[in-house]
């Protein structure tokens, strides 16, 4: 997943962290990605990940298509 994200950024996409919230089951991260399309068009897309941390290390990263599902999985109210 990280390698894919690095490849997309290397191809000219831009990304910003739009949300970072600690929940009872993990950390919710919302990423706003501006993808460069053909003919100079661009498209903005939100990606949501939940990071599960144990002993100060990320042990699992799960991707979600929507914020509500990610927030529920992370235990964010």
PDB file of N, CA and C in Angstrom:
ATOM      1  N   UNK A   1       0.823  -1.186   0.000  1.00  0.00           N
ATOM      2  CA  UNK A   1       0.000   0.000   0.000  1.00  0.00           C
ATOM      3  C   UNK A   1       0.867   1.250   0.000  1.00  0.00           C
ATOM      4  N   UNK A   2       1.908   1.290   0.831  1.00  0.00           N
ATOM      5  CA  UNK A   2       2.773   2.453   0.897  1.00  0.00           C
ATOM      6  C   UNK A   2       3.518   2.634  -0.423  1.00  0.00           C
ATOM      7  N   UNK A   3       3.981   1.541  -1.031  1.00  0.00           N
ATOM      8  CA  UNK A   3       4.687   1.615  -2.315  1.00  0.00           C
ATOM      9  C   UNK A   3       3.775   2.177  -3.399  1.00  0.00           C
ATOM     10  N   UNK A   4       2.519   1.761  -3.411  1.00  0.00           N
ATOM     11  CA  UNK A   4       1.559   2.273  -4.395  1.00  0.00           C
ATOM     12  C   UNK A   4       1.359   3.760  -4.199  1.00  0.00           C
ATOM     13  N   UNK A   5       1.211   4.194  -2.954  1.00  0.00           N
ATOM     14  CA  UNK A   5       1.012   5.606  -2.654  1.00  0.00           C
ATOM     15  C   UNK A   5       2.231   6.417  -3.086  1.00  0.00           C
ATOM     16  N   UNK A   6       3.428   5.907  -2.832  1.00  0.00           N
ATOM     17  CA  UNK A   6       4.650   6.604  -3.240  1.00  0.00           C
ATOM     18  C   UNK A   6       4.721   6.716  -4.761  1.00  0.00           C
ATOM     19  N   UNK A   7       4.289   5.684  -5.484  1.00  0.00           N
ATOM     20  CA  UNK A   7       4.298   5.703  -6.948  1.00  0.00           C
ATOM     21  C   UNK A   7       3.353   6.780  -7.469  1.00  0.00           C
ATOM     22  N   UNK A   8       2.156   6.858  -6.887  1.00  0.00           N
ATOM     23  CA  UNK A   8       1.169   7.860  -7.317  1.00  0.00           C
ATOM     24  C   UNK A   8       1.711   9.270  -7.083  1.00  0.00           C
ATOM     25  N   UNK A   9       2.351   9.503  -5.958  1.00  0.00           N
ATOM     26  CA  UNK A   9       2.939  10.809  -5.655  1.00  0.00           C
ATOM     27  C   UNK A   9       4.063  11.108  -6.651  1.00  0.00           C
ATOM     28  N   UNK A  10       4.880  10.106  -6.966  1.00  0.00           N
ATOM     29  CA  UNK A  10       5.977  10.288  -7.924  1.00  0.00           C
ATOM     30  C   UNK A  10       5.456  10.641  -9.315  1.00  0.00           C
ATOM     31  N   UNK A  11       4.244  10.201  -9.640  1.00  0.00           N
ATOM     32  CA  UNK A  11       3.646  10.494 -10.941  1.00  0.00           C
ATOM     33  C   UNK A  11       2.987  11.875 -10.981  1.00  0.00           C
ATOM     34  N   UNK A  12       3.098  12.637  -9.899  1.00  0.00           N
ATOM     35  CA  UNK A  12       2.612  14.004  -9.911  1.00  0.00           C
ATOM     36  C   UNK A  12       1.370  14.275  -9.088  1.00  0.00           C
ATOM     37  N   UNK A  13       0.828  13.278  -8.431  1.00  0.00           N
ATOM     38  CA  UNK A  13      -0.333  13.511  -7.571  1.00  0.00           C
ATOM     39  C   UNK A  13       0.124  14.279  -6.328  1.00  0.00           C
ATOM     40  N   UNK A  14      -0.801  14.998  -5.742  1.00  0.00           N
ATOM     41  CA  UNK A  14      -0.523  15.718  -4.497  1.00  0.00           C
ATOM     42  C   UNK A  14      -1.443  15.184  -3.419  1.00  0.00           C
ATOM     43  N   UNK A  15      -0.956  15.159  -2.188  1.00  0.00           N
ATOM     44  CA  UNK A  15      -1.764  14.638  -1.086  1.00  0.00           C
ATOM     45  C   UNK A  15      -1.543  15.469   0.167  1.00  0.00           C
ATOM     46  N   UNK A  16      -2.610  15.596   0.932  1.00  0.00           N
ATOM     47  CA  UNK A  16      -2.560  16.286   2.224  1.00  0.00           C
ATOM     48  C   UNK A  16      -3.348  15.466   3.235  1.00  0.00           C
ATOM     49  N   UNK A  17      -2.889  15.475   4.459  1.00  0.00           N
ATOM     50  CA  UNK A  17      -3.641  14.832   5.533  1.00  0.00           C
ATOM     51  C   UNK A  17      -4.775  15.774   5.904  1.00  0.00           C
ATOM     52  N   UNK A  18      -6.005  15.317   5.696  1.00  0.00           N
ATOM     53  CA  UNK A  18      -7.180  16.137   5.969  1.00  0.00           C
ATOM     54  C   UNK A  18      -7.726  15.886   7.369  1.00  0.00           C
ATOM     55  N   UNK A  19      -7.439  14.695   7.908  1.00  0.00           N
ATOM     56  CA  UNK A  19      -7.943  14.345   9.244  1.00  0.00           C
ATOM     57  C   UNK A  19      -7.019  13.321   9.860  1.00  0.00           C
ATOM     58  N   UNK A  20      -6.794  13.461  11.148  1.00  0.00           N
ATOM     59  CA  UNK A  20      -6.023  12.491  11.916  1.00  0.00           C
ATOM     60  C   UNK A  20      -6.657  12.441  13.297  1.00  0.00           C
ATOM     61  N   UNK A  21      -7.323  11.310  13.600  1.00  0.00           N
ATOM     62  CA  UNK A  21      -8.065  11.190  14.856  1.00  0.00           C
ATOM     63  C   UNK A  21      -7.744   9.870  15.533  1.00  0.00           C
ATOM     64  N   UNK A  22      -7.407   9.934  16.817  1.00  0.00           N
ATOM     65  CA  UNK A  22      -7.148   8.726  17.591  1.00  0.00           C
ATOM     66  C   UNK A  22      -8.459   8.199  18.148  1.00  0.00           C
ATOM     67  N   UNK A  23      -8.708   6.916  17.940  1.00  0.00           N
ATOM     68  CA  UNK A  23      -9.900   6.268  18.465  1.00  0.00           C
ATOM     69  C   UNK A  23      -9.530   5.188  19.459  1.00  0.00           C
ATOM     70  N   UNK A  24     -10.517   4.472  19.918  1.00  0.00           N
ATOM     71  CA  UNK A  24     -10.284   3.418  20.903  1.00  0.00           C
ATOM     72  C   UNK A  24      -9.702   2.142  20.283  1.00  0.00           C
ATOM     73  N   UNK A  25      -9.792   1.999  18.952  1.00  0.00           N
ATOM     74  CA  UNK A  25      -9.301   0.795  18.282  1.00  0.00           C
ATOM     75  C   UNK A  25      -8.187   1.078  17.280  1.00  0.00           C
ATOM     76  N   UNK A  26      -7.918   2.336  16.990  1.00  0.00           N
ATOM     77  CA  UNK A  26      -6.891   2.673  16.017  1.00  0.00           C
ATOM     78  C   UNK A  26      -6.876   4.157  15.720  1.00  0.00           C
ATOM     79  N   UNK A  27      -6.068   4.536  14.750  1.00  0.00           N
ATOM     80  CA  UNK A  27      -5.935   5.930  14.347  1.00  0.00           C
ATOM     81  C   UNK A  27      -6.551   6.088  12.962  1.00  0.00           C
ATOM     82  N   UNK A  28      -7.493   7.004  12.850  1.00  0.00           N
ATOM     83  CA  UNK A  28      -8.141   7.301  11.572  1.00  0.00           C
ATOM     84  C   UNK A  28      -7.339   8.377  10.857  1.00  0.00           C
ATOM     85  N   UNK A  29      -7.008   8.108   9.600  1.00  0.00           N
ATOM     86  CA  UNK A  29      -6.291   9.077   8.780  1.00  0.00           C
ATOM     87  C   UNK A  29      -7.075   9.303   7.502  1.00  0.00           C
ATOM     88  N   UNK A  30      -7.494  10.548   7.275  1.00  0.00           N
ATOM     89  CA  UNK A  30      -8.168  10.933   6.034  1.00  0.00           C
ATOM     90  C   UNK A  30      -7.178  11.681   5.164  1.00  0.00           C
ATOM     91  N   UNK A  31      -6.991  11.216   3.927  1.00  0.00           N
ATOM     92  CA  UNK A  31      -6.003  11.792   3.031  1.00  0.00           C
ATOM     93  C   UNK A  31      -6.716  12.342   1.794  1.00  0.00           C
ATOM     94  N   UNK A  32      -6.515  13.608   1.526  1.00  0.00           N
ATOM     95  CA  UNK A  32      -7.056  14.240   0.332  1.00  0.00           C
ATOM     96  C   UNK A  32      -6.006  14.123  -0.771  1.00  0.00           C
ATOM     97  N   UNK A  33      -6.371  13.443  -1.859  1.00  0.00           N
ATOM     98  CA  UNK A  33      -5.429  13.204  -2.956  1.00  0.00           C
ATOM     99  C   UNK A  33      -5.932  13.898  -4.207  1.00  0.00           C
ATOM    100  N   UNK A  34      -5.076  14.678  -4.818  1.00  0.00           N
ATOM    101  CA  UNK A  34      -5.375  15.333  -6.092  1.00  0.00           C
ATOM    102  C   UNK A  34      -4.649  14.538  -7.169  1.00  0.00           C
ATOM    103  N   UNK A  35      -5.418  13.790  -7.974  1.00  0.00           N
ATOM    104  CA  UNK A  35      -4.858  12.951  -9.027  1.00  0.00           C
ATOM    105  C   UNK A  35      -4.820  13.713 -10.335  1.00  0.00           C
ATOM    106  N   UNK A  36      -3.725  13.576 -11.055  1.00  0.00           N
ATOM    107  CA  UNK A  36      -3.611  14.213 -12.357  1.00  0.00           C
ATOM    108  C   UNK A  36      -4.153  13.267 -13.407  1.00  0.00           C
ATOM    109  N   UNK A  37      -5.119  13.741 -14.171  1.00  0.00           N
ATOM    110  CA  UNK A  37      -5.708  12.934 -15.220  1.00  0.00           C
ATOM    111  C   UNK A  37      -5.086  13.223 -16.567  1.00  0.00           C
ATOM    112  N   UNK A  38      -5.629  12.614 -17.570  1.00  0.00           N
ATOM    113  CA  UNK A  38      -5.157  12.879 -18.926  1.00  0.00           C
ATOM    114  C   UNK A  38      -5.619  14.263 -19.353  1.00  0.00           C
ATOM    115  N   UNK A  39      -4.920  14.845 -20.285  1.00  0.00           N
ATOM    116  CA  UNK A  39      -5.255  16.161 -20.831  1.00  0.00           C
ATOM    117  C   UNK A  39      -5.243  17.266 -19.777  1.00  0.00           C
ATOM    118  N   UNK A  40      -4.452  17.094 -18.716  1.00  0.00           N
ATOM    119  CA  UNK A  40      -4.319  18.123 -17.695  1.00  0.00           C
ATOM    120  C   UNK A  40      -5.454  18.220 -16.704  1.00  0.00           C
ATOM    121  N   UNK A  41      -6.435  17.335 -16.796  1.00  0.00           N
ATOM    122  CA  UNK A  41      -7.542  17.342 -15.834  1.00  0.00           C
ATOM    123  C   UNK A  41      -7.055  16.781 -14.507  1.00  0.00           C
ATOM    124  N   UNK A  42      -7.648  17.248 -13.430  1.00  0.00           N
ATOM    125  CA  UNK A  42      -7.310  16.693 -12.124  1.00  0.00           C
ATOM    126  C   UNK A  42      -8.590  16.296 -11.403  1.00  0.00           C
ATOM    127  N   UNK A  43      -8.440  15.384 -10.488  1.00  0.00           N
ATOM    128  CA  UNK A  43      -9.584  14.854  -9.743  1.00  0.00           C
ATOM    129  C   UNK A  43      -9.174  14.725  -8.281  1.00  0.00           C
ATOM    130  N   UNK A  44     -10.026  15.219  -7.398  1.00  0.00           N
ATOM    131  CA  UNK A  44      -9.738  15.095  -5.967  1.00  0.00           C
ATOM    132  C   UNK A  44     -10.479  13.886  -5.414  1.00  0.00           C
ATOM    133  N   UNK A  45      -9.799  13.170  -4.547  1.00  0.00           N
ATOM    134  CA  UNK A  45     -10.382  11.971  -3.952  1.00  0.00           C
ATOM    135  C   UNK A  45      -9.946  11.870  -2.503  1.00  0.00           C
ATOM    136  N   UNK A  46     -10.852  11.419  -1.653  1.00  0.00           N
ATOM    137  CA  UNK A  46     -10.520  11.193  -0.246  1.00  0.00           C
ATOM    138  C   UNK A  46     -10.246   9.713  -0.036  1.00  0.00           C
ATOM    139  N   UNK A  47      -9.158   9.426   0.650  1.00  0.00           N
ATOM    140  CA  UNK A  47      -8.813   8.060   1.040  1.00  0.00           C
ATOM    141  C   UNK A  47      -8.827   8.006   2.564  1.00  0.00           C
ATOM    142  N   UNK A  48      -9.249   6.882   3.097  1.00  0.00           N
ATOM    143  CA  UNK A  48      -9.305   6.726   4.550  1.00  0.00           C
ATOM    144  C   UNK A  48      -8.569   5.457   4.945  1.00  0.00           C
ATOM    145  N   UNK A  49      -7.677   5.594   5.919  1.00  0.00           N
ATOM    146  CA  UNK A  49      -6.937   4.455   6.454  1.00  0.00           C
ATOM    147  C   UNK A  49      -7.138   4.419   7.963  1.00  0.00           C
ATOM    148  N   UNK A  50      -7.086   3.215   8.500  1.00  0.00           N
ATOM    149  CA  UNK A  50      -7.053   3.039   9.946  1.00  0.00           C
ATOM    150  C   UNK A  50      -5.755   2.325  10.275  1.00  0.00           C
ATOM    151  N   UNK A  51      -4.990   2.918  11.167  1.00  0.00           N
ATOM    152  CA  UNK A  51      -3.721   2.349  11.614  1.00  0.00           C
ATOM    153  C   UNK A  51      -3.921   1.746  13.000  1.00  0.00           C
ATOM    154  N   UNK A  52      -3.575   0.480  13.145  1.00  0.00           N
ATOM    155  CA  UNK A  52      -3.617  -0.174  14.449  1.00  0.00           C
ATOM    156  C   UNK A  52      -2.195  -0.165  14.988  1.00  0.00           C
ATOM    157  N   UNK A  53      -2.028   0.371  16.195  1.00  0.00           N
ATOM    158  CA  UNK A  53      -0.702   0.558  16.781  1.00  0.00           C
ATOM    159  C   UNK A  53      -0.578  -0.273  18.050  1.00  0.00           C
ATOM    160  N   UNK A  54       0.523  -0.991  18.166  1.00  0.00           N
ATOM    161  CA  UNK A  54       0.866  -1.743  19.380  1.00  0.00           C
ATOM    162  C   UNK A  54       2.329  -1.475  19.704  1.00  0.00           C
ATOM    163  N   UNK A  55       2.621  -1.195  20.945  1.00  0.00           N
ATOM    164  CA  UNK A  55       4.004  -0.936  21.376  1.00  0.00           C
ATOM    165  C   UNK A  55       4.683   0.117  20.489  1.00  0.00           C
ATOM    166  N   UNK A  56       3.961   1.180  20.186  1.00  0.00           N
ATOM    167  CA  UNK A  56       4.462   2.312  19.396  1.00  0.00           C
ATOM    168  C   UNK A  56       4.851   1.952  17.963  1.00  0.00           C
ATOM    169  N   UNK A  57       4.305   0.860  17.425  1.00  0.00           N
ATOM    170  CA  UNK A  57       4.554   0.478  16.042  1.00  0.00           C
ATOM    171  C   UNK A  57       3.239   0.195  15.338  1.00  0.00           C
ATOM    172  N   UNK A  58       3.148   0.591  14.083  1.00  0.00           N
ATOM    173  CA  UNK A  58       1.965   0.274  13.279  1.00  0.00           C
ATOM    174  C   UNK A  58       2.040  -1.203  12.931  1.00  0.00           C
ATOM    175  N   UNK A  59       1.019  -1.950  13.347  1.00  0.00           N
ATOM    176  CA  UNK A  59       1.019  -3.387  13.054  1.00  0.00           C
ATOM    177  C   UNK A  59       0.018  -3.758  11.971  1.00  0.00           C
ATOM    178  N   UNK A  60      -0.870  -2.820  11.653  1.00  0.00           N
ATOM    179  CA  UNK A  60      -1.876  -3.096  10.631  1.00  0.00           C
ATOM    180  C   UNK A  60      -2.348  -1.780  10.029  1.00  0.00           C
ATOM    181  N   UNK A  61      -2.559  -1.784   8.700  1.00  0.00           N
ATOM    182  CA  UNK A  61      -3.142  -0.647   7.994  1.00  0.00           C
ATOM    183  C   UNK A  61      -4.308  -1.189   7.182  1.00  0.00           C
ATOM    184  N   UNK A  62      -5.472  -0.600   7.391  1.00  0.00           N
ATOM    185  CA  UNK A  62      -6.650  -1.039   6.642  1.00  0.00           C
ATOM    186  C   UNK A  62      -7.223   0.158   5.888  1.00  0.00           C
ATOM    187  N   UNK A  63      -7.554  -0.044   4.624  1.00  0.00           N
ATOM    188  CA  UNK A  63      -8.104   1.018   3.781  1.00  0.00           C
ATOM    189  C   UNK A  63      -9.623   0.921   3.750  1.00  0.00           C
ATOM    190  N   UNK A  64     -10.278   2.090   3.750  1.00  0.00           N
ATOM    191  CA  UNK A  64     -11.737   2.161   3.687  1.00  0.00           C
ATOM    192  C   UNK A  64     -12.142   3.132   2.592  1.00  0.00           C
ATOM    193  N   UNK A  65     -13.307   2.891   2.011  1.00  0.00           N
ATOM    194  CA  UNK A  65     -13.807   3.739   0.933  1.00  0.00           C
ATOM    195  C   UNK A  65     -14.568   4.958   1.446  1.00  0.00           C
ATOM    196  N   UNK A  66     -14.953   4.940   2.719  1.00  0.00           N
ATOM    197  CA  UNK A  66     -15.712   6.072   3.250  1.00  0.00           C
ATOM    198  C   UNK A  66     -15.312   6.340   4.704  1.00  0.00           C
ATOM    199  N   UNK A  67     -15.524   7.576   5.126  1.00  0.00           N
ATOM    200  CA  UNK A  67     -15.112   7.990   6.455  1.00  0.00           C
ATOM    201  C   UNK A  67     -15.881   7.263   7.554  1.00  0.00           C
ATOM    202  N   UNK A  68     -17.186   7.085   7.379  1.00  0.00           N
ATOM    203  CA  UNK A  68     -18.000   6.445   8.420  1.00  0.00           C
ATOM    204  C   UNK A  68     -17.496   5.049   8.760  1.00  0.00           C
ATOM    205  N   UNK A  69     -17.190   4.255   7.744  1.00  0.00           N
ATOM    206  CA  UNK A  69     -16.667   2.901   7.982  1.00  0.00           C
ATOM    207  C   UNK A  69     -15.321   2.946   8.675  1.00  0.00           C
ATOM    208  N   UNK A  70     -14.459   3.852   8.229  1.00  0.00           N
ATOM    209  CA  UNK A  70     -13.134   3.977   8.841  1.00  0.00           C
ATOM    210  C   UNK A  70     -13.242   4.441  10.295  1.00  0.00           C
ATOM    211  N   UNK A  71     -14.101   5.418  10.541  1.00  0.00           N
ATOM    212  CA  UNK A  71     -14.288   5.929  11.905  1.00  0.00           C
ATOM    213  C   UNK A  71     -14.801   4.828  12.828  1.00  0.00           C
ATOM    214  N   UNK A  72     -15.731   4.039  12.335  1.00  0.00           N
ATOM    215  CA  UNK A  72     -16.274   2.921  13.138  1.00  0.00           C
ATOM    216  C   UNK A  72     -15.174   1.918  13.457  1.00  0.00           C
ATOM    217  N   UNK A  73     -14.369   1.563  12.451  1.00  0.00           N
ATOM    218  CA  UNK A  73     -13.286   0.590  12.660  1.00  0.00           C
ATOM    219  C   UNK A  73     -12.229   1.120  13.629  1.00  0.00           C
ATOM    220  N   UNK A  74     -11.987   2.431  13.619  1.00  0.00           N
ATOM    221  CA  UNK A  74     -10.990   3.021  14.501  1.00  0.00           C
ATOM    222  C   UNK A  74     -11.537   3.306  15.890  1.00  0.00           C
ATOM    223  N   UNK A  75     -12.849   3.244  16.047  1.00  0.00           N
ATOM    224  CA  UNK A  75     -13.455   3.577  17.337  1.00  0.00           C
ATOM    225  C   UNK A  75     -13.489   5.076  17.590  1.00  0.00           C
ATOM    226  N   UNK A  76     -13.633   5.840  16.504  1.00  0.00           N
ATOM    227  CA  UNK A  76     -13.733   7.302  16.606  1.00  0.00           C
ATOM    228  C   UNK A  76     -15.208   7.667  16.662  1.00  0.00           C
ATOM    229  N   UNK A  77     -15.579   8.466  17.650  1.00  0.00           N
ATOM    230  CA  UNK A  77     -16.987   8.861  17.806  1.00  0.00           C
ATOM    231  C   UNK A  77     -17.410   9.833  16.760  1.00  0.00           C
TER     232      UNK A  77
END
